[in-house]
Amino acid sequence: MKSMDFFVFHEVCWNRIMDHFDPSENLEASYTALEHMPLPYASQKLPKAGHETQVSLSELDRIPLEVCEYIAAGLSTKDVLNLRYVSRAKSLLFKSPHFWKTRFNINNERGFLFYSVKNFLLEGKELDWQLLYHCTNKIQCYQSFKFVIRNWERIRWLKDVTLAKSLGQEGKGGPLYFAGRALQHYHGTCYKGEHIERVHISQTLSEIAVSAMTDPRNNRVYVTGMGFIYEDDCPPVRIGYTSPGAVVVHEKDLNPQNENHRFSASQAPLKAHRHEYLSGSYSYPGGKIILRAKSLRGFHVGLGLDGVYMVSLIRDSGRSYYVGTPYEVNDDSDYDEWEGDMACYYDNMLLLEVKEVIATADDYKILDLGIRGVGIKHDTGAEKYWSEKWS
């Protein structure tokens, strides 16, 4: 892949990005940040301060509410909530209409609604901001609004990485790179009936158990859950759902000649992705396929509007079998036609090091998947090298 000399934006897209930056901020680092940004559909306990650093409550209580509101405007609601442990007087912030109004600034938690409430913000129109904030904890609007939220998440990430690079803080507590749907922490919301699950990935990860089952309502196979198994004393972690009695199969027992198992290796009928998948019946209670996950680098997934249809692990040793059912795509594109409930596209989620797996799930299946960790520059040939290595 040739090095990229520049990035092209639509004027509207560029204006949206600029809305997130202050005119005084240095934008030179945004080019480097864009080099690590995945292309669309490309593939607590508070620390206790020492006695010498503690501030008396009386001193904090003297800070005027106006100053507290100004400080809180740059903090997340969770951080402001934790201020109660420092001073009970700070709980007054949650009765301040001005504080709740700042939650809808473009770079705060409800910033994805900024353009919807822009007139109220700029013209000082009356609105119950606290009620609106709580009503948007669970989103109940049309599904296509998810694309608006995803675009806002990516611009927030771009701004954070740009500032971290310009301040020389990259790799020193700066933002992690990402692939897939992994930036929900910027707002902490999800659609009604959905929830977010996260798993920290350490170097002792040895296996991932992928569960899949056929939905009898449409005879479509969905990835319902994933279990993360470690070599050390760390207990296994599960996200999503695994039905009781699911057929357990280990990767080492799978091969095209072995017919003794419910699942056997077969050639995937994908023109663009010819890899082996597991043929067999995923009807209830479904299957639980345990795959080797040492040196995990990401996932190759088949996604639809209503869930994850198939997943393959990307490792140093190569890709694993596809768990789930693959579907046909065109020769010239990784996208299937977006028509009906059966539409599907494929996403190559690839990082040099995976540190966190994020899943969006409902009560019985995984709806979306993402990863965070150490990124790959997609303009230096590194991505092409690893993609060919894992093809």
Protein backbone atom coordinates (compact mmCIF):
# COMPACT_ATOMS: atom_id res chain seq x y z
CA MET A 1 0.00 0.00 0.00
CA LYS A 2 1.44 3.34 -1.00
CA SER A 3 1.97 6.04 1.57
CA MET A 4 -0.88 8.53 1.83
CA ASP A 5 0.12 12.17 1.23
CA PHE A 6 -3.26 13.59 2.15
CA PHE A 7 -6.79 12.71 3.23
CA VAL A 8 -9.88 13.88 1.37
CA PHE A 9 -13.02 15.01 3.24
CA HIS A 10 -16.41 16.15 2.13
CA GLU A 11 -16.94 19.78 3.13
CA VAL A 12 -19.79 18.86 5.46
CA CYS A 13 -17.67 16.12 7.10
CA TRP A 14 -14.75 18.50 7.56
CA ASN A 15 -17.01 21.12 9.14
CA ARG A 16 -18.33 18.48 11.54
CA ILE A 17 -14.77 17.62 12.57
CA MET A 18 -13.83 21.27 13.05
CA ASP A 19 -16.80 21.73 15.37
CA HIS A 20 -14.95 19.52 17.87
CA PHE A 21 -11.73 21.57 17.84
CA ASP A 22 -11.03 24.95 19.36
CA PRO A 23 -9.50 27.48 16.90
CA SER A 24 -6.43 27.76 19.14
CA GLU A 25 -5.69 24.02 19.09
CA ASN A 26 -2.84 22.66 16.98
CA LEU A 27 -4.21 20.48 14.17
CA GLU A 28 -0.87 19.31 12.74
CA ALA A 29 -1.04 16.09 14.76
CA SER A 30 -4.46 15.27 13.27
CA TYR A 31 -2.70 13.88 10.16
CA THR A 32 -0.81 11.33 12.25
CA ALA A 33 -4.00 10.49 14.13
CA LEU A 34 -5.81 9.86 10.86
CA GLU A 35 -3.06 7.42 9.84
CA HIS A 36 -4.12 5.16 12.72
CA MET A 37 -7.87 5.65 12.39
CA PRO A 38 -9.61 2.58 10.94
CA LEU A 39 -11.36 3.27 7.68
CA PRO A 40 -15.13 2.78 7.91
CA TYR A 41 -15.96 -0.93 7.55
CA ALA A 42 -12.38 -1.79 6.68
CA SER A 43 -11.70 -4.37 8.33
CA GLN A 44 -13.78 1.24 40.83
CA LYS A 45 -12.19 2.20 43.89
CA LEU A 46 -10.99 5.76 44.31
CA PRO A 47 -7.29 6.12 45.28
CA LYS A 48 -6.83 7.53 48.72
CA ALA A 49 -4.68 10.63 48.91
CA GLY A 50 -1.87 10.84 51.42
CA HIS A 51 -2.32 13.04 54.50
CA GLU A 52 0.04 15.65 53.09
CA THR A 53 -2.07 16.05 49.92
CA GLN A 54 -5.51 16.11 51.52
CA VAL A 55 -7.46 19.37 51.42
CA SER A 56 -9.85 20.27 54.19
CA LEU A 57 -13.50 20.18 53.26
CA SER A 58 -13.92 23.71 54.48
CA GLU A 59 -11.51 24.99 51.80
CA LEU A 60 -13.36 23.15 49.03
CA ASP A 61 -16.70 24.35 50.31
CA ARG A 62 -15.57 27.94 49.84
CA ILE A 63 -15.30 27.53 46.05
CA PRO A 64 -18.23 29.40 44.46
CA LEU A 65 -20.81 27.35 42.59
CA GLU A 66 -20.07 29.28 39.39
CA VAL A 67 -16.42 28.15 39.52
CA CYS A 68 -17.50 24.56 40.23
CA GLU A 69 -19.82 24.68 37.21
CA TYR A 70 -16.97 25.92 35.04
CA ILE A 71 -14.70 23.08 36.21
CA ALA A 72 -17.44 20.47 35.88
CA ALA A 73 -18.10 21.47 32.27
CA GLY A 74 -14.82 19.76 31.31
CA LEU A 75 -15.44 16.60 33.34
CA SER A 76 -17.54 13.54 32.70
CA THR A 77 -20.70 13.12 34.74
CA LYS A 78 -19.10 10.12 36.46
CA ASP A 79 -16.11 12.22 37.57
CA VAL A 80 -18.40 14.98 38.82
CA LEU A 81 -20.42 12.39 40.73
CA ASN A 82 -17.22 11.20 42.42
CA LEU A 83 -16.59 14.75 43.67
CA ARG A 84 -19.14 13.95 46.38
CA TYR A 85 -16.45 11.86 48.06
CA VAL A 86 -14.32 15.00 48.33
CA SER A 87 -17.00 17.46 49.37
CA ARG A 88 -20.70 16.99 49.94
CA ALA A 89 -21.21 20.57 48.83
CA LYS A 90 -20.37 19.48 45.28
CA SER A 91 -23.63 17.54 45.13
CA LEU A 92 -25.27 20.93 44.49
CA LEU A 93 -23.92 20.67 40.95
CA PHE A 94 -26.57 18.08 40.18
CA LYS A 95 -29.26 20.67 40.89
CA SER A 96 -27.68 23.15 38.50
CA PRO A 97 -29.43 23.51 35.10
CA HIS A 98 -26.20 24.98 33.71
CA PHE A 99 -24.28 21.80 34.59
CA TRP A 100 -26.76 19.53 32.80
CA LYS A 101 -26.76 21.87 29.83
CA THR A 102 -22.99 21.40 29.43
CA ARG A 103 -23.55 17.63 29.04
CA PHE A 104 -24.83 18.41 25.53
CA ASN A 105 -21.77 20.36 24.39
CA ILE A 106 -20.30 18.72 21.31
CA ASN A 107 -17.37 17.15 23.18
CA ASN A 108 -19.35 15.96 26.21
CA GLU A 109 -21.32 12.75 26.78
CA ARG A 110 -24.44 13.79 24.89
CA GLY A 111 -22.50 15.59 22.17
CA PHE A 112 -24.00 13.28 19.55
CA LEU A 113 -27.24 15.22 20.14
CA PHE A 114 -25.54 18.60 19.75
CA TYR A 115 -27.00 19.33 16.32
CA SER A 116 -30.47 18.35 17.52
CA VAL A 117 -30.43 20.77 20.47
CA LYS A 118 -28.09 23.36 18.96
CA ASN A 119 -30.71 26.12 18.87
CA PHE A 120 -31.56 25.57 22.53
CA LEU A 121 -27.88 25.70 23.49
CA LEU A 122 -26.93 28.79 21.48
CA GLU A 123 -30.10 30.81 21.96
CA GLY A 124 -30.58 30.06 25.63
CA LYS A 125 -34.02 28.54 25.17
CA GLU A 126 -35.56 26.82 28.17
CA LEU A 127 -35.27 23.05 28.32
CA ASP A 128 -35.14 20.52 31.13
CA TRP A 129 -31.56 19.40 30.43
CA GLN A 130 -31.43 16.99 33.37
CA LEU A 131 -34.55 15.19 32.22
CA LEU A 132 -33.26 15.05 28.64
CA TYR A 133 -29.94 13.61 29.86
CA HIS A 134 -31.62 10.82 31.82
CA CYS A 135 -34.11 10.09 29.03
CA THR A 136 -31.22 9.50 26.62
CA ASN A 137 -29.46 6.92 28.81
CA LYS A 138 -31.41 4.37 26.77
CA ILE A 139 -31.97 5.46 23.18
CA GLN A 140 -35.31 4.59 21.61
CA CYS A 141 -35.14 6.25 18.20
CA TYR A 142 -34.68 4.71 14.75
CA GLN A 143 -31.79 2.27 14.19
CA SER A 144 -30.09 4.39 11.52
CA PHE A 145 -29.28 6.96 14.24
CA LYS A 146 -26.56 4.52 15.32
CA PHE A 147 -24.51 5.72 12.35
CA VAL A 148 -24.77 9.30 13.65
CA ILE A 149 -23.50 8.16 17.05
CA ARG A 150 -20.67 6.12 15.51
CA ASN A 151 -19.47 9.07 13.43
CA TRP A 152 -19.51 11.28 16.53
CA GLU A 153 -17.53 8.66 18.48
CA ARG A 154 -14.85 8.51 15.78
CA ILE A 155 -14.46 12.29 15.68
CA ARG A 156 -14.17 12.39 19.48
CA TRP A 157 -11.42 9.78 19.24
CA LEU A 158 -9.70 11.73 16.45
CA LYS A 159 -9.70 14.87 18.59
CA ASP A 160 -8.30 13.04 21.64
CA VAL A 161 -5.50 11.38 19.67
CA THR A 162 -4.65 14.65 17.92
CA LEU A 163 -4.32 16.47 21.25
CA ALA A 164 -2.34 13.60 22.80
CA LYS A 165 0.13 13.63 19.90
CA SER A 166 0.48 17.42 19.92
CA LEU A 167 1.21 17.31 23.68
CA GLY A 168 3.62 14.38 23.34
CA GLN A 169 1.42 12.11 25.46
CA GLU A 170 0.94 9.30 22.95
CA GLY A 171 1.63 5.94 24.58
CA LYS A 172 1.72 7.57 28.03
CA GLY A 173 -1.84 7.15 29.13
CA GLY A 174 -3.14 8.46 25.81
CA PRO A 175 -6.16 7.06 23.96
CA LEU A 176 -6.01 3.45 22.81
CA TYR A 177 -6.47 2.72 19.12
CA PHE A 178 -9.55 0.83 18.04
CA ALA A 179 -11.24 -1.31 15.41
CA GLY A 180 -14.91 -2.14 15.06
CA ARG A 181 -17.50 -0.70 17.48
CA ALA A 182 -15.41 0.10 20.54
CA LEU A 183 -15.89 3.76 21.52
CA GLN A 184 -19.14 3.69 23.51
CA HIS A 185 -17.27 4.91 26.60
CA TYR A 186 -17.49 8.43 25.19
CA HIS A 187 -21.20 8.56 25.97
CA GLY A 188 -22.12 5.46 28.00
CA THR A 189 -25.47 5.01 26.27
CA CYS A 190 -27.01 2.23 24.23
CA TYR A 191 -30.33 1.37 22.66
CA LYS A 192 -33.21 0.06 24.75
CA GLY A 193 -32.84 -3.69 25.24
CA GLU A 194 -29.07 -3.57 24.64
CA HIS A 195 -26.07 -3.41 26.97
CA ILE A 196 -22.29 -3.04 26.68
CA GLU A 197 -19.85 -5.67 27.98
CA ARG A 198 -16.06 -5.27 28.20
CA VAL A 199 -13.22 -7.73 28.74
CA HIS A 200 -9.64 -6.79 29.57
CA ILE A 201 -7.19 -8.91 27.55
CA SER A 202 -3.87 -9.88 29.14
CA GLN A 203 -0.91 -11.77 27.71
CA THR A 204 -2.02 -14.90 29.58
CA LEU A 205 -5.10 -15.31 27.36
CA SER A 206 -4.99 -18.85 25.97
CA GLU A 207 -8.41 -19.67 24.48
CA ILE A 208 -11.66 -18.07 23.42
CA ALA A 209 -14.88 -20.08 23.44
CA VAL A 210 -17.27 -18.81 20.75
CA SER A 211 -20.93 -19.78 21.14
CA ALA A 212 -23.34 -19.77 18.20
CA MET A 213 -26.93 -20.89 17.76
CA THR A 214 -29.64 -20.85 15.10
CA ASP A 215 -32.57 -18.52 15.69
CA PRO A 216 -35.69 -20.59 14.87
CA ARG A 217 -37.60 -17.44 13.89
CA ASN A 218 -35.51 -16.84 10.75
CA ASN A 219 -33.16 -19.88 10.63
CA ARG A 220 -30.17 -17.54 10.79
CA VAL A 221 -27.07 -18.44 12.80
CA TYR A 222 -25.94 -15.82 15.33
CA VAL A 223 -22.87 -15.59 17.54
CA THR A 224 -24.46 -15.50 20.99
CA GLY A 225 -21.48 -15.24 23.32
CA MET A 226 -17.74 -15.48 23.89
CA GLY A 227 -15.76 -16.84 26.82
CA PHE A 228 -12.16 -15.78 27.55
CA ILE A 229 -9.95 -18.41 29.19
CA TYR A 230 -6.59 -17.53 30.78
CA GLU A 231 -3.55 -19.61 31.70
CA ASP A 232 -2.99 -18.07 35.13
CA ASP A 233 -5.33 -17.84 38.11
CA CYS A 234 -7.47 -15.25 36.39
CA PRO A 235 -11.04 -16.61 36.27
CA PRO A 236 -12.64 -17.04 32.84
CA VAL A 237 -14.76 -14.13 31.65
CA ARG A 238 -17.91 -14.48 29.56
CA ILE A 239 -19.74 -11.94 27.44
CA GLY A 240 -23.08 -12.51 25.79
CA TYR A 241 -25.01 -15.74 26.25
CA THR A 242 -24.22 -19.45 26.02
CA SER A 243 -27.16 -21.83 26.12
CA PRO A 244 -27.01 -24.68 28.67
CA GLY A 245 -26.10 -27.94 27.00
CA ALA A 246 -24.31 -26.37 24.02
CA VAL A 247 -22.10 -28.86 22.16
CA VAL A 248 -18.47 -28.19 23.19
CA VAL A 249 -15.79 -28.74 20.53
CA HIS A 250 -12.07 -27.95 20.80
CA GLU A 251 -10.19 -26.58 17.80
CA LYS A 252 -7.53 -29.28 18.07
CA ASP A 253 -10.19 -31.93 17.43
CA LEU A 254 -11.37 -30.36 14.17
CA ASN A 255 -10.19 -31.38 10.73
CA PRO A 256 -11.89 -31.99 7.35
CA GLN A 257 -11.58 -35.79 7.66
CA ASN A 258 -13.02 -36.05 11.17
CA GLU A 259 -16.71 -36.90 10.97
CA ASN A 260 -17.07 -37.93 14.59
CA HIS A 261 -18.12 -34.49 15.73
CA ARG A 262 -21.26 -32.50 15.21
CA PHE A 263 -19.10 -29.80 13.58
CA SER A 264 -16.51 -30.41 10.86
CA ALA A 265 -14.20 -28.17 8.84
CA SER A 266 -15.47 -27.11 5.40
CA GLN A 267 -14.48 -24.62 2.71
CA ALA A 268 -16.21 -21.25 3.11
CA PRO A 269 -18.16 -20.26 -0.03
CA LEU A 270 -16.89 -16.69 0.09
CA LYS A 271 -15.39 -15.32 -3.12
CA ALA A 272 -13.51 -12.62 -1.24
CA HIS A 273 -12.58 -14.70 1.81
CA ARG A 274 -11.79 -18.34 1.13
CA HIS A 275 -11.21 -19.78 4.58
CA GLU A 276 -12.40 -22.83 6.42
CA TYR A 277 -15.51 -22.62 8.52
CA LEU A 278 -17.34 -25.15 10.68
CA SER A 279 -20.21 -26.84 8.93
CA GLY A 280 -22.85 -28.51 11.03
CA SER A 281 -26.05 -27.86 12.88
CA TYR A 282 -26.21 -24.84 15.19
CA SER A 283 -29.79 -25.62 16.17
CA TYR A 284 -30.65 -25.51 19.88
CA PRO A 285 -28.73 -25.84 22.14
CA GLY A 286 -26.11 -24.60 19.65
CA GLY A 287 -22.36 -25.02 19.66
CA LYS A 288 -19.50 -23.79 21.82
CA ILE A 289 -16.24 -23.85 19.85
CA ILE A 290 -13.06 -23.40 21.89
CA LEU A 291 -10.36 -21.73 19.76
CA ARG A 292 -6.69 -21.08 20.49
CA ALA A 293 -6.22 -17.37 21.22
CA LYS A 294 -2.54 -16.88 22.04
CA SER A 295 -1.13 -13.71 20.45
CA LEU A 296 -4.62 -12.48 19.58
CA ARG A 297 -4.52 -9.67 17.02
CA GLY A 298 -8.22 -9.19 16.35
CA PHE A 299 -11.31 -10.68 14.71
CA HIS A 300 -12.77 -11.11 11.26
CA VAL A 301 -16.53 -10.88 11.62
CA GLY A 302 -19.64 -11.07 9.51
CA LEU A 303 -22.11 -8.44 10.73
CA GLY A 304 -25.71 -7.64 9.99
CA LEU A 305 -28.28 -5.13 11.14
CA ASP A 306 -29.48 -7.58 13.79
CA GLY A 307 -26.28 -9.20 15.07
CA VAL A 308 -23.00 -11.01 14.44
CA TYR A 309 -23.38 -13.94 12.04
CA MET A 310 -19.85 -15.35 12.12
CA VAL A 311 -16.48 -14.69 13.71
CA SER A 312 -12.90 -15.83 13.15
CA LEU A 313 -9.93 -15.15 15.44
CA ILE A 314 -6.86 -13.42 13.96
CA ARG A 315 -3.67 -14.71 15.58
CA ASP A 316 0.05 -14.75 14.85
CA SER A 317 -0.35 -18.34 13.71
CA GLY A 318 -3.13 -17.43 11.26
CA ARG A 319 -6.88 -17.20 11.29
CA SER A 320 -9.04 -19.68 13.11
CA TYR A 321 -12.07 -21.46 11.68
CA TYR A 322 -15.11 -19.29 11.14
CA VAL A 323 -17.74 -19.98 13.79
CA GLY A 324 -21.19 -19.27 12.43
CA THR A 325 -22.45 -19.26 8.86
CA PRO A 326 -20.64 -17.36 6.07
CA TYR A 327 -22.63 -15.57 3.39
CA GLU A 328 -21.83 -14.65 -0.18
CA VAL A 329 -20.31 -11.26 -1.05
CA ASN A 330 -19.44 -9.69 -4.38
CA ASP A 331 -16.05 -10.15 -6.05
CA ASP A 332 -15.22 -6.43 -6.01
CA SER A 333 -16.39 -5.54 -2.52
CA ASP A 334 -16.49 -6.70 1.06
CA TYR A 335 -20.07 -5.46 1.24
CA ASP A 336 -23.21 -7.34 0.52
CA GLU A 337 -26.21 -5.37 -0.70
CA TRP A 338 -28.00 -3.72 2.20
CA GLU A 339 -31.40 -5.14 1.45
CA GLY A 340 -33.76 -6.58 4.02
CA ASP A 341 -33.00 -8.13 7.37
CA MET A 342 -30.48 -10.58 5.89
CA ALA A 343 -27.98 -7.91 4.73
CA CYS A 344 -24.39 -8.61 5.77
CA TYR A 345 -20.95 -7.02 5.58
CA TYR A 346 -17.51 -8.17 6.71
CA ASP A 347 -15.14 -6.27 8.99
CA ASN A 348 -11.46 -7.02 9.51
CA MET A 349 -10.73 -5.85 13.08
CA LEU A 350 -6.96 -5.78 13.29
CA LEU A 351 -4.51 -4.36 15.87
CA LEU A 352 -0.90 -5.08 16.77
CA GLU A 353 -1.98 -5.82 20.35
CA VAL A 354 -5.50 -6.28 21.68
CA LYS A 355 -6.02 -4.92 25.19
CA GLU A 356 -9.80 -4.83 25.41
CA VAL A 357 -12.76 -6.49 23.71
CA ILE A 358 -16.07 -4.62 23.68
CA ALA A 359 -19.37 -6.27 22.81
CA THR A 360 -22.83 -4.80 22.32
CA ALA A 361 -25.37 -7.48 23.24
CA ASP A 362 -29.03 -8.07 23.95
CA ASP A 363 -30.48 -10.84 26.10
CA TYR A 364 -29.44 -13.73 23.87
CA LYS A 365 -26.85 -12.71 21.25
CA ILE A 366 -23.97 -10.37 20.41
CA LEU A 367 -25.06 -7.46 18.22
CA ASP A 368 -21.71 -5.79 17.53
CA LEU A 369 -18.05 -6.24 18.37
CA GLY A 370 -14.99 -4.03 18.75
CA ILE A 371 -11.43 -4.03 20.08
CA ARG A 372 -9.02 -1.49 21.59
CA GLY A 373 -5.25 -1.63 21.89
CA VAL A 374 -2.05 -0.81 20.01
CA GLY A 375 -2.87 0.28 16.46
CA ILE A 376 -1.50 -0.29 12.97
CA LYS A 377 -0.74 2.56 10.57
CA HIS A 378 -2.70 1.72 7.45
CA ASP A 379 -0.50 3.78 5.10
CA THR A 380 2.91 2.15 5.64
CA GLY A 381 2.26 -1.35 4.31
CA ALA A 382 2.09 -2.83 7.82
CA GLU A 383 -1.62 -3.49 7.54
CA LYS A 384 -1.14 -5.11 4.13
CA TYR A 385 1.67 -7.29 5.49
CA TRP A 386 -0.40 -8.59 8.40
CA SER A 387 -3.50 -8.98 6.27
CA GLU A 388 -1.57 -11.16 3.82
CA LYS A 389 0.02 -13.10 6.68
CA TRP A 390 -3.40 -13.89 8.15
CA SER A 391 -5.21 -14.50 4.86
